[in-house]
Amino acid sequence: MKLDELFALLRRRGFLWPSSEIYGGAQGLYDYGPLGVALKRRLEDAWSAWFLGLSDDYYPIQPSELLPEPVVRASGHLENFTDPEALCGHCHHAFRAETVLEKVRPEGVDGLAPSAIAELIAQHHVLCPSCGQAALTVPAPFHLMFGVDFGVTGRERAYLAPETAQGSYLAFARMWDVGRKTLPLGLAVIGRAYRNEIAPRQVLFRMRAFTQAELQIFFDPASFPVPFADVRDERLPLLWAARRAEGATDIEWTSVTDLVAGGLPEFYVYHLAQLFRFLRDALGYPAERIRLFEKSESERAFYNRIQFDAEVRLDSLGGFREVGAVHYRGDYDLGRHSKGSGRDLTVTLTDGRRVLPHVLEITFGVDRNLWALADLHLAVEGERTVFRLPPYLAPIALGVLPLLKKDHGPYARSLLDRLRRAGIAAAYDSSASIGRRYARMDEAGVPFCVTVDGESVDPAGPTRDTVTLRERDSRAQERVAIAEIPARLADRLRPPRPVTAPAEIA
């Protein structure tokens, strides 16, 4: 499905739409409707169930979205959080340099100086995408943070968080005292981030206000125990930086044991495999559409020692797009905040050693993956449009449909209330023919429907208090007792957890 077609469908069904739509919309800002809100929450719940399930010492926190200026100065954002901007001298439109060069340099422009970017634009005769009449120039890098006045005097400065990670670094010392005072210690944040993007585009993939889910794992660089045996048989789809430098674009399926034998740390490979499994097993992305894209030393941020981006091939966006990543950040973050705050963030371990923990970061774009779910699971099959979401991600788990509104509606309404009290996200629909209602439910991603009919309400009938249960994907139907429905659906509506036993930490 093309981008415009997919967005039109999601907007029509109330998943999402441009923010301030009655004023013509606001670039890079989107609102979620009822189905979008529910899908987003299911996605966040699935992420939490999976990644917090990796260890008993991984915890959720919710930090502030406002960062005082000393924080972003210490973190390096005040100085370095910029994007190279390409400017048209004719129509004066501004573009991200990475965007205008994506066809000639698909690996991006991270790490390139403005002069090198300008040379690439000139070498490939890149013209303005808007007017097509002029070559682009590369001025000074554009700063991406939103600054706000802070305090009653207006003399202080704060910034909207450009990423959720900083909240975890700021909370580490407190959580060390709150927790078991042991490493590894993981802090997970699902929260909003804000970036003044040069040229927001591709709907949810380049926004000015968006939701991230990130797990920061603080660990002893001398020892990071993981249950590696749980992923030992896994093979991962890799696109190596060295192979890209040779012009190759093919994916190499490599065993995790070979990756460790080749020099990647066992703890890194384990978490990379868990991110791949989450995309494949929990979100249902086809394995052949996933690749783990290695960033070279010149492409990744200078503090990242290892970085693989998780990318998914999306038809609506014309190729692979990043949906998550695993970064080995070393001791950069706690080191910067230790110096900036004057607080010693080293900790004493049980063996008496003082250690400044290193950080492994697992990052995940919630909005991006919501779009990816729609791209990969929404299908037009003849006259039928069906959103084949995994049941536990569906905004509505069960549709309750009276065959005849007048005769069966009251019973269906009471059934709806009963199912909701049992914890099932159910919705009622009595408008139009039963076939039209099934079609609406399919389009919204509802995995199950129950139809209340004459047999359900017949006080003397042998099938009293039974309904027809319909399964979305197969369209199979069967007669079931109402009392059995919660138990029958429970497992399929529960987010999966990783197939692993949490690591035992001394």
Foldseek 3Di string as FASTA:
>chain_A
DALVVLVVLCVVLQQKDAPPVVVPHDFQHMDGGLQNVLLLVLLVQLVCQAPCQQAVQAEEDEFDQKAFPLLCVLLCLVPPQFFWWKAFPPPGAIDGLQVQCCVVPVLGQALPDQVVSQVSQVVVVRADPPPRPGGIHTDDTGRWWDKDQDDDVSPTIITGAQDPVSRCLVCVVVVCVVDPVFPFHKYKYWDKHATNDSHHDSPLQRHGIFIKIKIKTWGFPVDDDGPLVLQQAAWAFEDEPVVVVVVDDHTDTGGLVVVVVVPDDSVQSSVVSSVLCCVCPQFPAPRVQWYWYWDDCSRDDVQFPTKTFIWGAFVNVHGTDGFKMKTFRFLSSNVSCCVSVVPDQWGAHPVGDTGRTTIIMIMGGSSVVVVVQSRRQWDDDPPATARQTQLLSQSAAEEEEEQACVPFVVVSVVLQVVVVVLVHRYDYDYDDHPVVVLRSCRSSNHQKYWYHYPLCPPPPHPLHQWTWIAGNPVRDIDIDHSVCVCVVCVVSNDNDYRPDNHDDGD
